[in-house]
Amino acid sequence: MQQLKASWWLVACFAAVCGQNWGQIPGALKHVSASVNYVWGVNSGDQIFICPNPCTGQWTHIPGLLKQIDAGEMEVWGVNSNDDIYKRNVDGSGSWIQLPGKLKHVSASGNGYIWGVNS
């Protein structure tokens, strides 16, 4: 797994740590989602990255391509450019599993509920 090389910063604030202050974290992502223990994101090339939470910029590349991603309690969910739906363990272990159907955007919430829009 390769580390993400960044040319600009992802801006983040962890409410319990910094209150109203925002800090910059290295990364070049178009979409980001945080679970309790991991931050996931995708860049402009749809490449997927994970960072332990709290993230200090040590992004690790995860194989696959997704245009959008959302981290839940146990799994991370995403959709690719063909609107195919995928999930895997939120810690990055295992492989992507494709699920039936098509979605434009997916959202993982607590208690295993997954939400999505198809248009």
PDB file of N, CA and C in Angstrom:
ATOM      1  N   MET A   1       0.843  -1.175   0.000  1.00  0.00           N
ATOM      2  CA  MET A   1       0.000   0.000   0.000  1.00  0.00           C
ATOM      3  C   MET A   1       0.887   1.235   0.000  1.00  0.00           C
ATOM      4  N   GLN A   2       0.564   2.207  -0.836  1.00  0.00           N
ATOM      5  CA  GLN A   2       1.375   3.415  -0.922  1.00  0.00           C
ATOM      6  C   GLN A   2       0.781   4.532  -0.089  1.00  0.00           C
ATOM      7  N   GLN A   3       1.614   5.445   0.295  1.00  0.00           N
ATOM      8  CA  GLN A   3       1.165   6.607   1.064  1.00  0.00           C
ATOM      9  C   GLN A   3       0.731   7.705   0.105  1.00  0.00           C
ATOM     10  N   LEU A   4      -0.281   8.477   0.460  1.00  0.00           N
ATOM     11  CA  LEU A   4      -0.778   9.587  -0.338  1.00  0.00           C
ATOM     12  C   LEU A   4       0.197  10.753  -0.264  1.00  0.00           C
ATOM     13  N   LYS A   5       0.618  11.229  -1.399  1.00  0.00           N
ATOM     14  CA  LYS A   5       1.457  12.426  -1.478  1.00  0.00           C
ATOM     15  C   LYS A   5       0.524  13.602  -1.761  1.00  0.00           C
ATOM     16  N   ALA A   6       0.592  14.624  -0.949  1.00  0.00           N
ATOM     17  CA  ALA A   6      -0.370  15.714  -1.045  1.00  0.00           C
ATOM     18  C   ALA A   6       0.278  17.015  -1.487  1.00  0.00           C
ATOM     19  N   SER A   7      -0.463  17.774  -2.287  1.00  0.00           N
ATOM     20  CA  SER A   7       0.000  19.092  -2.688  1.00  0.00           C
ATOM     21  C   SER A   7      -0.835  20.188  -2.018  1.00  0.00           C
ATOM     22  N   TRP A   8      -1.908  19.834  -1.355  1.00  0.00           N
ATOM     23  CA  TRP A   8      -2.691  20.791  -0.585  1.00  0.00           C
ATOM     24  C   TRP A   8      -3.211  20.100   0.657  1.00  0.00           C
ATOM     25  N   TRP A   9      -3.940  20.807   1.475  1.00  0.00           N
ATOM     26  CA  TRP A   9      -4.300  20.315   2.793  1.00  0.00           C
ATOM     27  C   TRP A   9      -5.791  20.050   2.905  1.00  0.00           C
ATOM     28  N   LEU A  10      -6.122  19.000   3.608  1.00  0.00           N
ATOM     29  CA  LEU A  10      -7.484  18.726   4.017  1.00  0.00           C
ATOM     30  C   LEU A  10      -7.689  19.439   5.350  1.00  0.00           C
ATOM     31  N   VAL A  11      -8.756  20.185   5.465  1.00  0.00           N
ATOM     32  CA  VAL A  11      -9.003  20.933   6.692  1.00  0.00           C
ATOM     33  C   VAL A  11      -9.960  20.130   7.561  1.00  0.00           C
ATOM     34  N   ALA A  12      -9.579  19.934   8.807  1.00  0.00           N
ATOM     35  CA  ALA A  12     -10.410  19.147   9.715  1.00  0.00           C
ATOM     36  C   ALA A  12     -10.309  19.672  11.131  1.00  0.00           C
ATOM     37  N   CYS A  13     -11.333  19.404  11.887  1.00  0.00           N
ATOM     38  CA  CYS A  13     -11.335  19.753  13.296  1.00  0.00           C
ATOM     39  C   CYS A  13     -11.998  18.610  14.055  1.00  0.00           C
ATOM     40  N   PHE A  14     -11.374  18.182  15.107  1.00  0.00           N
ATOM     41  CA  PHE A  14     -11.963  17.167  15.960  1.00  0.00           C
ATOM     42  C   PHE A  14     -12.545  17.899  17.159  1.00  0.00           C
ATOM     43  N   ALA A  15     -13.877  17.957  17.221  1.00  0.00           N
ATOM     44  CA  ALA A  15     -14.568  18.801  18.198  1.00  0.00           C
ATOM     45  C   ALA A  15     -14.101  18.554  19.628  1.00  0.00           C
ATOM     46  N   ALA A  16     -13.877  17.296  19.987  1.00  0.00           N
ATOM     47  CA  ALA A  16     -13.471  17.000  21.362  1.00  0.00           C
ATOM     48  C   ALA A  16     -12.062  17.496  21.650  1.00  0.00           C
ATOM     49  N   VAL A  17     -11.257  17.665  20.603  1.00  0.00           N
ATOM     50  CA  VAL A  17      -9.864  18.056  20.781  1.00  0.00           C
ATOM     51  C   VAL A  17      -9.662  19.548  20.592  1.00  0.00           C
ATOM     52  N   CYS A  18     -10.232  20.123  19.524  1.00  0.00           N
ATOM     53  CA  CYS A  18      -9.890  21.501  19.191  1.00  0.00           C
ATOM     54  C   CYS A  18     -11.051  22.476  19.306  1.00  0.00           C
ATOM     55  N   GLY A  19     -12.218  22.036  19.750  1.00  0.00           N
ATOM     56  CA  GLY A  19     -13.333  22.953  19.924  1.00  0.00           C
ATOM     57  C   GLY A  19     -13.671  23.673  18.634  1.00  0.00           C
ATOM     58  N   GLN A  20     -13.492  24.969  18.595  1.00  0.00           N
ATOM     59  CA  GLN A  20     -13.826  25.772  17.426  1.00  0.00           C
ATOM     60  C   GLN A  20     -12.644  25.957  16.469  1.00  0.00           C
ATOM     61  N   ASN A  21     -11.486  25.428  16.793  1.00  0.00           N
ATOM     62  CA  ASN A  21     -10.303  25.615  15.950  1.00  0.00           C
ATOM     63  C   ASN A  21     -10.193  24.519  14.905  1.00  0.00           C
ATOM     64  N   TRP A  22      -9.803  24.911  13.693  1.00  0.00           N
ATOM     65  CA  TRP A  22      -9.618  23.968  12.596  1.00  0.00           C
ATOM     66  C   TRP A  22      -8.131  23.803  12.339  1.00  0.00           C
ATOM     67  N   GLY A  23      -7.721  22.574  12.054  1.00  0.00           N
ATOM     68  CA  GLY A  23      -6.332  22.296  11.729  1.00  0.00           C
ATOM     69  C   GLY A  23      -6.225  21.739  10.322  1.00  0.00           C
ATOM     70  N   GLN A  24      -5.079  21.887   9.714  1.00  0.00           N
ATOM     71  CA  GLN A  24      -4.858  21.368   8.364  1.00  0.00           C
ATOM     72  C   GLN A  24      -4.167  20.022   8.441  1.00  0.00           C
ATOM     73  N   ILE A  25      -4.670  19.080   7.641  1.00  0.00           N
ATOM     74  CA  ILE A  25      -4.110  17.738   7.564  1.00  0.00           C
ATOM     75  C   ILE A  25      -3.709  17.495   6.120  1.00  0.00           C
ATOM     76  N   PRO A  26      -2.482  17.012   5.864  1.00  0.00           N
ATOM     77  CA  PRO A  26      -2.077  16.757   4.476  1.00  0.00           C
ATOM     78  C   PRO A  26      -3.021  15.775   3.796  1.00  0.00           C
ATOM     79  N   GLY A  27      -3.364  16.075   2.565  1.00  0.00           N
ATOM     80  CA  GLY A  27      -4.233  15.218   1.770  1.00  0.00           C
ATOM     81  C   GLY A  27      -4.817  15.987   0.608  1.00  0.00           C
ATOM     82  N   ALA A  28      -5.178  15.279  -0.428  1.00  0.00           N
ATOM     83  CA  ALA A  28      -5.769  15.902  -1.619  1.00  0.00           C
ATOM     84  C   ALA A  28      -7.011  15.109  -1.995  1.00  0.00           C
ATOM     85  N   LEU A  29      -8.077  15.310  -1.248  1.00  0.00           N
ATOM     86  CA  LEU A  29      -9.284  14.517  -1.415  1.00  0.00           C
ATOM     87  C   LEU A  29     -10.448  15.375  -1.887  1.00  0.00           C
ATOM     88  N   LYS A  30     -11.347  14.753  -2.678  1.00  0.00           N
ATOM     89  CA  LYS A  30     -12.570  15.446  -3.094  1.00  0.00           C
ATOM     90  C   LYS A  30     -13.745  15.098  -2.186  1.00  0.00           C
ATOM     91  N   HIS A  31     -13.606  13.979  -1.450  1.00  0.00           N
ATOM     92  CA  HIS A  31     -14.670  13.540  -0.554  1.00  0.00           C
ATOM     93  C   HIS A  31     -14.037  12.847   0.643  1.00  0.00           C
ATOM     94  N   VAL A  32     -14.562  13.089   1.835  1.00  0.00           N
ATOM     95  CA  VAL A  32     -14.022  12.496   3.051  1.00  0.00           C
ATOM     96  C   VAL A  32     -15.168  12.063   3.961  1.00  0.00           C
ATOM     97  N   SER A  33     -14.946  10.975   4.709  1.00  0.00           N
ATOM     98  CA  SER A  33     -15.931  10.486   5.666  1.00  0.00           C
ATOM     99  C   SER A  33     -15.187   9.894   6.854  1.00  0.00           C
ATOM    100  N   ALA A  34     -15.659  10.199   8.054  1.00  0.00           N
ATOM    101  CA  ALA A  34     -14.981   9.723   9.261  1.00  0.00           C
ATOM    102  C   ALA A  34     -15.883   8.809  10.072  1.00  0.00           C
ATOM    103  N   SER A  35     -15.312   7.686  10.505  1.00  0.00           N
ATOM    104  CA  SER A  35     -15.960   6.834  11.488  1.00  0.00           C
ATOM    105  C   SER A  35     -15.271   7.107  12.826  1.00  0.00           C
ATOM    106  N   VAL A  36     -15.585   6.341  13.834  1.00  0.00           N
ATOM    107  CA  VAL A  36     -14.965   6.546  15.138  1.00  0.00           C
ATOM    108  C   VAL A  36     -13.455   6.336  15.070  1.00  0.00           C
ATOM    109  N   ASN A  37     -13.011   5.306  14.346  1.00  0.00           N
ATOM    110  CA  ASN A  37     -11.596   4.945  14.342  1.00  0.00           C
ATOM    111  C   ASN A  37     -10.843   5.211  13.046  1.00  0.00           C
ATOM    112  N   TYR A  38     -11.547   5.546  11.958  1.00  0.00           N
ATOM    113  CA  TYR A  38     -10.885   5.713  10.659  1.00  0.00           C
ATOM    114  C   TYR A  38     -11.487   6.869   9.880  1.00  0.00           C
ATOM    115  N   VAL A  39     -10.643   7.510   9.082  1.00  0.00           N
ATOM    116  CA  VAL A  39     -11.093   8.516   8.121  1.00  0.00           C
ATOM    117  C   VAL A  39     -10.844   7.934   6.734  1.00  0.00           C
ATOM    118  N   TRP A  40     -11.844   7.977   5.899  1.00  0.00           N
ATOM    119  CA  TRP A  40     -11.761   7.476   4.533  1.00  0.00           C
ATOM    120  C   TRP A  40     -11.947   8.643   3.571  1.00  0.00           C
ATOM    121  N   GLY A  41     -11.351   8.552   2.395  1.00  0.00           N
ATOM    122  CA  GLY A  41     -11.534   9.586   1.391  1.00  0.00           C
ATOM    123  C   GLY A  41     -11.216   9.087   0.003  1.00  0.00           C
ATOM    124  N   VAL A  42     -11.676   9.838  -0.978  1.00  0.00           N
ATOM    125  CA  VAL A  42     -11.353   9.570  -2.379  1.00  0.00           C
ATOM    126  C   VAL A  42     -10.833  10.858  -3.003  1.00  0.00           C
ATOM    127  N   ASN A  43      -9.882  10.723  -3.921  1.00  0.00           N
ATOM    128  CA  ASN A  43      -9.313  11.898  -4.578  1.00  0.00           C
ATOM    129  C   ASN A  43      -9.971  12.133  -5.943  1.00  0.00           C
ATOM    130  N   SER A  44      -9.484  13.103  -6.688  1.00  0.00           N
ATOM    131  CA  SER A  44     -10.088  13.462  -7.976  1.00  0.00           C
ATOM    132  C   SER A  44      -9.969  12.353  -9.006  1.00  0.00           C
ATOM    133  N   GLY A  45      -9.057  11.412  -8.811  1.00  0.00           N
ATOM    134  CA  GLY A  45      -8.919  10.258  -9.692  1.00  0.00           C
ATOM    135  C   GLY A  45      -9.698   9.051  -9.197  1.00  0.00           C
ATOM    136  N   ASP A  46     -10.560   9.239  -8.193  1.00  0.00           N
ATOM    137  CA  ASP A  46     -11.378   8.194  -7.578  1.00  0.00           C
ATOM    138  C   ASP A  46     -10.561   7.149  -6.817  1.00  0.00           C
ATOM    139  N   GLN A  47      -9.283   7.447  -6.530  1.00  0.00           N
ATOM    140  CA  GLN A  47      -8.471   6.550  -5.718  1.00  0.00           C
ATOM    141  C   GLN A  47      -8.923   6.652  -4.264  1.00  0.00           C
ATOM    142  N   ILE A  48      -8.807   5.558  -3.531  1.00  0.00           N
ATOM    143  CA  ILE A  48      -9.348   5.442  -2.183  1.00  0.00           C
ATOM    144  C   ILE A  48      -8.213   5.455  -1.160  1.00  0.00           C
ATOM    145  N   PHE A  49      -8.431   6.174  -0.042  1.00  0.00           N
ATOM    146  CA  PHE A  49      -7.426   6.282   1.004  1.00  0.00           C
ATOM    147  C   PHE A  49      -8.063   6.144   2.382  1.00  0.00           C
ATOM    148  N   ILE A  50      -7.286   5.623   3.334  1.00  0.00           N
ATOM    149  CA  ILE A  50      -7.714   5.471   4.729  1.00  0.00           C
ATOM    150  C   ILE A  50      -6.629   6.046   5.634  1.00  0.00           C
ATOM    151  N   CYS A  51      -7.060   6.603   6.758  1.00  0.00           N
ATOM    152  CA  CYS A  51      -6.136   7.151   7.751  1.00  0.00           C
ATOM    153  C   CYS A  51      -6.712   6.845   9.133  1.00  0.00           C
ATOM    154  N   PRO A  52      -5.887   6.400  10.090  1.00  0.00           N
ATOM    155  CA  PRO A  52      -6.411   6.196  11.445  1.00  0.00           C
ATOM    156  C   PRO A  52      -6.936   7.519  12.013  1.00  0.00           C
ATOM    157  N   ASN A  53      -8.012   7.442  12.792  1.00  0.00           N
ATOM    158  CA  ASN A  53      -8.622   8.617  13.387  1.00  0.00           C
ATOM    159  C   ASN A  53      -8.187   8.735  14.846  1.00  0.00           C
ATOM    160  N   PRO A  54      -7.611   9.842  15.304  1.00  0.00           N
ATOM    161  CA  PRO A  54      -7.473  11.100  14.583  1.00  0.00           C
ATOM    162  C   PRO A  54      -6.365  11.028  13.529  1.00  0.00           C
ATOM    163  N   CYS A  55      -6.678  11.555  12.363  1.00  0.00           N
ATOM    164  CA  CYS A  55      -5.773  11.477  11.218  1.00  0.00           C
ATOM    165  C   CYS A  55      -4.716  12.579  11.290  1.00  0.00           C
ATOM    166  N   THR A  56      -3.470  12.181  11.101  1.00  0.00           N
ATOM    167  CA  THR A  56      -2.365  13.142  11.091  1.00  0.00           C
ATOM    168  C   THR A  56      -1.791  13.313   9.691  1.00  0.00           C
ATOM    169  N   GLY A  57      -2.450  12.711   8.696  1.00  0.00           N
ATOM    170  CA  GLY A  57      -1.982  12.825   7.318  1.00  0.00           C
ATOM    171  C   GLY A  57      -1.277  11.589   6.817  1.00  0.00           C
ATOM    172  N   GLN A  58      -1.275  10.510   7.582  1.00  0.00           N
ATOM    173  CA  GLN A  58      -0.641   9.262   7.164  1.00  0.00           C
ATOM    174  C   GLN A  58      -1.644   8.406   6.386  1.00  0.00           C
ATOM    175  N   TRP A  59      -2.023   8.902   5.199  1.00  0.00           N
ATOM    176  CA  TRP A  59      -3.005   8.224   4.356  1.00  0.00           C
ATOM    177  C   TRP A  59      -2.392   6.988   3.707  1.00  0.00           C
ATOM    178  N   THR A  60      -3.149   5.909   3.672  1.00  0.00           N
ATOM    179  CA  THR A  60      -2.736   4.675   3.009  1.00  0.00           C
ATOM    180  C   THR A  60      -3.677   4.408   1.853  1.00  0.00           C
ATOM    181  N   HIS A  61      -3.124   4.138   0.678  1.00  0.00           N
ATOM    182  CA  HIS A  61      -3.917   3.843  -0.514  1.00  0.00           C
ATOM    183  C   HIS A  61      -4.555   2.464  -0.388  1.00  0.00           C
ATOM    184  N   ILE A  62      -5.847   2.391  -0.710  1.00  0.00           N
ATOM    185  CA  ILE A  62      -6.592   1.135  -0.722  1.00  0.00           C
ATOM    186  C   ILE A  62      -6.947   0.835  -2.180  1.00  0.00           C
ATOM    187  N   PRO A  63      -6.680  -0.377  -2.672  1.00  0.00           N
ATOM    188  CA  PRO A  63      -7.002  -0.704  -4.069  1.00  0.00           C
ATOM    189  C   PRO A  63      -8.484  -0.505  -4.380  1.00  0.00           C
ATOM    190  N   GLY A  64      -8.759  -0.086  -5.608  1.00  0.00           N
ATOM    191  CA  GLY A  64     -10.120   0.139  -6.076  1.00  0.00           C
ATOM    192  C   GLY A  64     -10.314   1.585  -6.478  1.00  0.00           C
ATOM    193  N   LEU A  65     -11.456   1.851  -7.097  1.00  0.00           N
ATOM    194  CA  LEU A  65     -11.822   3.207  -7.518  1.00  0.00           C
ATOM    195  C   LEU A  65     -13.263   3.469  -7.107  1.00  0.00           C
ATOM    196  N   LEU A  66     -13.491   4.544  -6.365  1.00  0.00           N
ATOM    197  CA  LEU A  66     -14.827   4.961  -5.969  1.00  0.00           C
ATOM    198  C   LEU A  66     -14.943   6.470  -6.140  1.00  0.00           C
ATOM    199  N   LYS A  67     -16.120   6.924  -6.581  1.00  0.00           N
ATOM    200  CA  LYS A  67     -16.325   8.375  -6.715  1.00  0.00           C
ATOM    201  C   LYS A  67     -16.802   8.999  -5.412  1.00  0.00           C
ATOM    202  N   GLN A  68     -17.359   8.168  -4.521  1.00  0.00           N
ATOM    203  CA  GLN A  68     -17.901   8.658  -3.251  1.00  0.00           C
ATOM    204  C   GLN A  68     -17.817   7.525  -2.241  1.00  0.00           C
ATOM    205  N   ILE A  69     -17.601   7.879  -0.976  1.00  0.00           N
ATOM    206  CA  ILE A  69     -17.397   6.876   0.069  1.00  0.00           C
ATOM    207  C   ILE A  69     -18.004   7.377   1.373  1.00  0.00           C
ATOM    208  N   ASP A  70     -18.453   6.429   2.225  1.00  0.00           N
ATOM    209  CA  ASP A  70     -18.986   6.814   3.523  1.00  0.00           C
ATOM    210  C   ASP A  70     -18.686   5.717   4.536  1.00  0.00           C
ATOM    211  N   ALA A  71     -18.099   6.097   5.652  1.00  0.00           N
ATOM    212  CA  ALA A  71     -17.694   5.149   6.684  1.00  0.00           C
ATOM    213  C   ALA A  71     -18.754   5.020   7.755  1.00  0.00           C
ATOM    214  N   GLY A  72     -19.141   3.782   8.036  1.00  0.00           N
ATOM    215  CA  GLY A  72     -20.066   3.498   9.117  1.00  0.00           C
ATOM    216  C   GLY A  72     -19.321   2.917  10.303  1.00  0.00           C
ATOM    217  N   GLU A  73     -20.051   2.307  11.217  1.00  0.00           N
ATOM    218  CA  GLU A  73     -19.435   1.732  12.418  1.00  0.00           C
ATOM    219  C   GLU A  73     -18.573   0.520  12.097  1.00  0.00           C
ATOM    220  N   MET A  74     -19.080  -0.377  11.256  1.00  0.00           N
ATOM    221  CA  MET A  74     -18.400  -1.633  10.976  1.00  0.00           C
ATOM    222  C   MET A  74     -17.904  -1.749   9.532  1.00  0.00           C
ATOM    223  N   GLU A  75     -18.532  -1.019   8.626  1.00  0.00           N
ATOM    224  CA  GLU A  75     -18.197  -1.124   7.205  1.00  0.00           C
ATOM    225  C   GLU A  75     -18.071   0.255   6.578  1.00  0.00           C
ATOM    226  N   VAL A  76     -17.344   0.300   5.479  1.00  0.00           N
ATOM    227  CA  VAL A  76     -17.270   1.504   4.662  1.00  0.00           C
ATOM    228  C   VAL A  76     -17.970   1.165   3.350  1.00  0.00           C
ATOM    229  N   TRP A  77     -18.766   2.091   2.860  1.00  0.00           N
ATOM    230  CA  TRP A  77     -19.567   1.889   1.661  1.00  0.00           C
ATOM    231  C   TRP A  77     -19.184   2.928   0.628  1.00  0.00           C
ATOM    232  N   GLY A  78     -19.317   2.589  -0.645  1.00  0.00           N
ATOM    233  CA  GLY A  78     -19.020   3.547  -1.687  1.00  0.00           C
ATOM    234  C   GLY A  78     -19.661   3.171  -3.007  1.00  0.00           C
ATOM    235  N   VAL A  79     -19.626   4.123  -3.932  1.00  0.00           N
ATOM    236  CA  VAL A  79     -20.129   3.893  -5.282  1.00  0.00           C
ATOM    237  C   VAL A  79     -19.056   4.331  -6.279  1.00  0.00           C
ATOM    238  N   ASN A  80     -18.993   3.615  -7.399  1.00  0.00           N
ATOM    239  CA  ASN A  80     -18.004   3.951  -8.421  1.00  0.00           C
ATOM    240  C   ASN A  80     -18.633   4.776  -9.528  1.00  0.00           C
ATOM    241  N   SER A  81     -17.870   5.057 -10.562  1.00  0.00           N
ATOM    242  CA  SER A  81     -18.346   5.916 -11.659  1.00  0.00           C
ATOM    243  C   SER A  81     -19.482   5.285 -12.459  1.00  0.00           C
ATOM    244  N   ASN A  82     -19.681   3.971 -12.324  1.00  0.00           N
ATOM    245  CA  ASN A  82     -20.809   3.287 -12.970  1.00  0.00           C
ATOM    246  C   ASN A  82     -22.005   3.163 -12.028  1.00  0.00           C
ATOM    247  N   ASP A  83     -21.917   3.802 -10.847  1.00  0.00           N
ATOM    248  CA  ASP A  83     -22.954   3.759  -9.814  1.00  0.00           C
ATOM    249  C   ASP A  83     -23.101   2.380  -9.171  1.00  0.00           C
ATOM    250  N   ASP A  84     -22.090   1.506  -9.321  1.00  0.00           N
ATOM    251  CA  ASP A  84     -22.087   0.218  -8.647  1.00  0.00           C
ATOM    252  C   ASP A  84     -21.803   0.442  -7.161  1.00  0.00           C
ATOM    253  N   ILE A  85     -22.364  -0.395  -6.306  1.00  0.00           N
ATOM    254  CA  ILE A  85     -22.277  -0.244  -4.858  1.00  0.00           C
ATOM    255  C   ILE A  85     -21.279  -1.257  -4.293  1.00  0.00           C
ATOM    256  N   TYR A  86     -20.399  -0.782  -3.398  1.00  0.00           N
ATOM    257  CA  TYR A  86     -19.397  -1.651  -2.774  1.00  0.00           C
ATOM    258  C   TYR A  86     -19.328  -1.395  -1.276  1.00  0.00           C
ATOM    259  N   LYS A  87     -18.864  -2.418  -0.544  1.00  0.00           N
ATOM    260  CA  LYS A  87     -18.615  -2.271   0.887  1.00  0.00           C
ATOM    261  C   LYS A  87     -17.408  -3.121   1.262  1.00  0.00           C
ATOM    262  N   ARG A  88     -16.796  -2.791   2.395  1.00  0.00           N
ATOM    263  CA  ARG A  88     -15.724  -3.601   2.995  1.00  0.00           C
ATOM    264  C   ARG A  88     -15.626  -3.233   4.463  1.00  0.00           C
ATOM    265  N   ASN A  89     -14.803  -3.947   5.216  1.00  0.00           N
ATOM    266  CA  ASN A  89     -14.619  -3.657   6.638  1.00  0.00           C
ATOM    267  C   ASN A  89     -14.075  -2.239   6.807  1.00  0.00           C
ATOM    268  N   VAL A  90     -14.563  -1.531   7.811  1.00  0.00           N
ATOM    269  CA  VAL A  90     -14.180  -0.134   8.015  1.00  0.00           C
ATOM    270  C   VAL A  90     -12.696   0.017   8.358  1.00  0.00           C
ATOM    271  N   ASP A  91     -12.051  -1.038   8.850  1.00  0.00           N
ATOM    272  CA  ASP A  91     -10.619  -0.948   9.150  1.00  0.00           C
ATOM    273  C   ASP A  91      -9.743  -1.166   7.919  1.00  0.00           C
ATOM    274  N   GLY A  92     -10.363  -1.409   6.763  1.00  0.00           N
ATOM    275  CA  GLY A  92      -9.632  -1.592   5.516  1.00  0.00           C
ATOM    276  C   GLY A  92      -9.254  -3.025   5.229  1.00  0.00           C
ATOM    277  N   SER A  93      -9.518  -3.928   6.170  1.00  0.00           N
ATOM    278  CA  SER A  93      -9.188  -5.331   5.945  1.00  0.00           C
ATOM    279  C   SER A  93     -10.193  -5.959   4.974  1.00  0.00           C
ATOM    280  N   GLY A  94      -9.799  -7.095   4.420  1.00  0.00           N
ATOM    281  CA  GLY A  94     -10.680  -7.794   3.498  1.00  0.00           C
ATOM    282  C   GLY A  94     -10.662  -7.180   2.113  1.00  0.00           C
ATOM    283  N   SER A  95     -11.683  -7.469   1.347  1.00  0.00           N
ATOM    284  CA  SER A  95     -11.796  -7.007  -0.040  1.00  0.00           C
ATOM    285  C   SER A  95     -13.116  -6.272  -0.220  1.00  0.00           C
ATOM    286  N   TRP A  96     -13.197  -5.516  -1.302  1.00  0.00           N
ATOM    287  CA  TRP A  96     -14.452  -4.864  -1.659  1.00  0.00           C
ATOM    288  C   TRP A  96     -15.448  -5.930  -2.092  1.00  0.00           C
ATOM    289  N   ILE A  97     -16.679  -5.811  -1.631  1.00  0.00           N
ATOM    290  CA  ILE A  97     -17.774  -6.703  -2.010  1.00  0.00           C
ATOM    291  C   ILE A  97     -18.790  -5.869  -2.771  1.00  0.00           C
ATOM    292  N   GLN A  98     -19.093  -6.282  -4.009  1.00  0.00           N
ATOM    293  CA  GLN A  98     -20.097  -5.562  -4.788  1.00  0.00           C
ATOM    294  C   GLN A  98     -21.487  -6.041  -4.393  1.00  0.00           C
ATOM    295  N   LEU A  99     -22.403  -5.086  -4.254  1.00  0.00           N
ATOM    296  CA  LEU A  99     -23.786  -5.395  -3.920  1.00  0.00           C
ATOM    297  C   LEU A  99     -24.674  -5.103  -5.126  1.00  0.00           C
ATOM    298  N   PRO A 100     -25.828  -5.761  -5.210  1.00  0.00           N
ATOM    299  CA  PRO A 100     -26.719  -5.508  -6.345  1.00  0.00           C
ATOM    300  C   PRO A 100     -27.304  -4.106  -6.294  1.00  0.00           C
ATOM    301  N   GLY A 101     -27.608  -3.563  -7.462  1.00  0.00           N
ATOM    302  CA  GLY A 101     -28.242  -2.260  -7.556  1.00  0.00           C
ATOM    303  C   GLY A 101     -27.286  -1.179  -8.018  1.00  0.00           C
ATOM    304  N   LYS A 102     -27.837   0.008  -8.175  1.00  0.00           N
ATOM    305  CA  LYS A 102     -27.082   1.188  -8.607  1.00  0.00           C
ATOM    306  C   LYS A 102     -27.478   2.355  -7.716  1.00  0.00           C
ATOM    307  N   LEU A 103     -26.471   3.129  -7.280  1.00  0.00           N
ATOM    308  CA  LEU A 103     -26.719   4.335  -6.490  1.00  0.00           C
ATOM    309  C   LEU A 103     -25.769   5.439  -6.933  1.00  0.00           C
ATOM    310  N   LYS A 104     -26.215   6.677  -6.845  1.00  0.00           N
ATOM    311  CA  LYS A 104     -25.370   7.843  -7.111  1.00  0.00           C
ATOM    312  C   LYS A 104     -24.562   8.226  -5.876  1.00  0.00           C
ATOM    313  N   HIS A 105     -25.154   8.001  -4.696  1.00  0.00           N
ATOM    314  CA  HIS A 105     -24.542   8.417  -3.431  1.00  0.00           C
ATOM    315  C   HIS A 105     -25.021   7.464  -2.342  1.00  0.00           C
ATOM    316  N   VAL A 106     -24.125   7.096  -1.426  1.00  0.00           N
ATOM    317  CA  VAL A 106     -24.481   6.197  -0.337  1.00  0.00           C
ATOM    318  C   VAL A 106     -24.060   6.829   0.986  1.00  0.00           C
ATOM    319  N   SER A 107     -24.832   6.554   2.034  1.00  0.00           N
ATOM    320  CA  SER A 107     -24.527   7.084   3.360  1.00  0.00           C
ATOM    321  C   SER A 107     -24.722   5.976   4.385  1.00  0.00           C
ATOM    322  N   ALA A 108     -23.690   5.733   5.179  1.00  0.00           N
ATOM    323  CA  ALA A 108     -23.739   4.716   6.226  1.00  0.00           C
ATOM    324  C   ALA A 108     -24.029   5.400   7.561  1.00  0.00           C
ATOM    325  N   SER A 109     -25.042   4.910   8.268  1.00  0.00           N
ATOM    326  CA  SER A 109     -25.369   5.486   9.568  1.00  0.00           C
ATOM    327  C   SER A 109     -25.207   4.418  10.640  1.00  0.00           C
ATOM    328  N   GLY A 110     -25.535   4.753  11.853  1.00  0.00           N
ATOM    329  CA  GLY A 110     -25.401   3.814  12.953  1.00  0.00           C
ATOM    330  C   GLY A 110     -26.360   2.644  12.843  1.00  0.00           C
ATOM    331  N   ASN A 111     -26.080   1.610  13.612  1.00  0.00           N
ATOM    332  CA  ASN A 111     -26.929   0.421  13.692  1.00  0.00           C
ATOM    333  C   ASN A 111     -27.090  -0.313  12.367  1.00  0.00           C
ATOM    334  N   GLY A 112     -26.138  -0.150  11.461  1.00  0.00           N
ATOM    335  CA  GLY A 112     -26.155  -0.900  10.212  1.00  0.00           C
ATOM    336  C   GLY A 112     -27.083  -0.365   9.136  1.00  0.00           C
ATOM    337  N   TYR A 113     -27.681   0.800   9.340  1.00  0.00           N
ATOM    338  CA  TYR A 113     -28.549   1.368   8.318  1.00  0.00           C
ATOM    339  C   TYR A 113     -27.718   2.026   7.230  1.00  0.00           C
ATOM    340  N   ILE A 114     -28.069   1.744   5.976  1.00  0.00           N
ATOM    341  CA  ILE A 114     -27.401   2.323   4.819  1.00  0.00           C
ATOM    342  C   ILE A 114     -28.459   3.042   3.988  1.00  0.00           C
ATOM    343  N   TRP A 115     -28.140   4.247   3.592  1.00  0.00           N
ATOM    344  CA  TRP A 115     -29.059   5.074   2.811  1.00  0.00           C
ATOM    345  C   TRP A 115     -28.409   5.390   1.471  1.00  0.00           C
ATOM    346  N   GLY A 116     -29.207   5.563   0.438  1.00  0.00           N
ATOM    347  CA  GLY A 116     -28.649   5.916  -0.855  1.00  0.00           C
ATOM    348  C   GLY A 116     -29.663   6.615  -1.735  1.00  0.00           C
ATOM    349  N   VAL A 117     -29.158   7.305  -2.728  1.00  0.00           N
ATOM    350  CA  VAL A 117     -30.003   7.940  -3.737  1.00  0.00           C
ATOM    351  C   VAL A 117     -29.603   7.392  -5.103  1.00  0.00           C
ATOM    352  N   ASN A 118     -30.616   7.199  -5.953  1.00  0.00           N
ATOM    353  CA  ASN A 118     -30.344   6.597  -7.250  1.00  0.00           C
ATOM    354  C   ASN A 118     -30.516   7.557  -8.417  1.00  0.00           C
ATOM    355  N   SER A 119     -30.810   8.810  -8.128  1.00  0.00           N
ATOM    356  CA  SER A 119     -30.901   9.780  -9.232  1.00  0.00           C
ATOM    357  C   SER A 119     -30.582  11.173  -8.707  1.00  0.00           C
TER     358      SER A 119
END
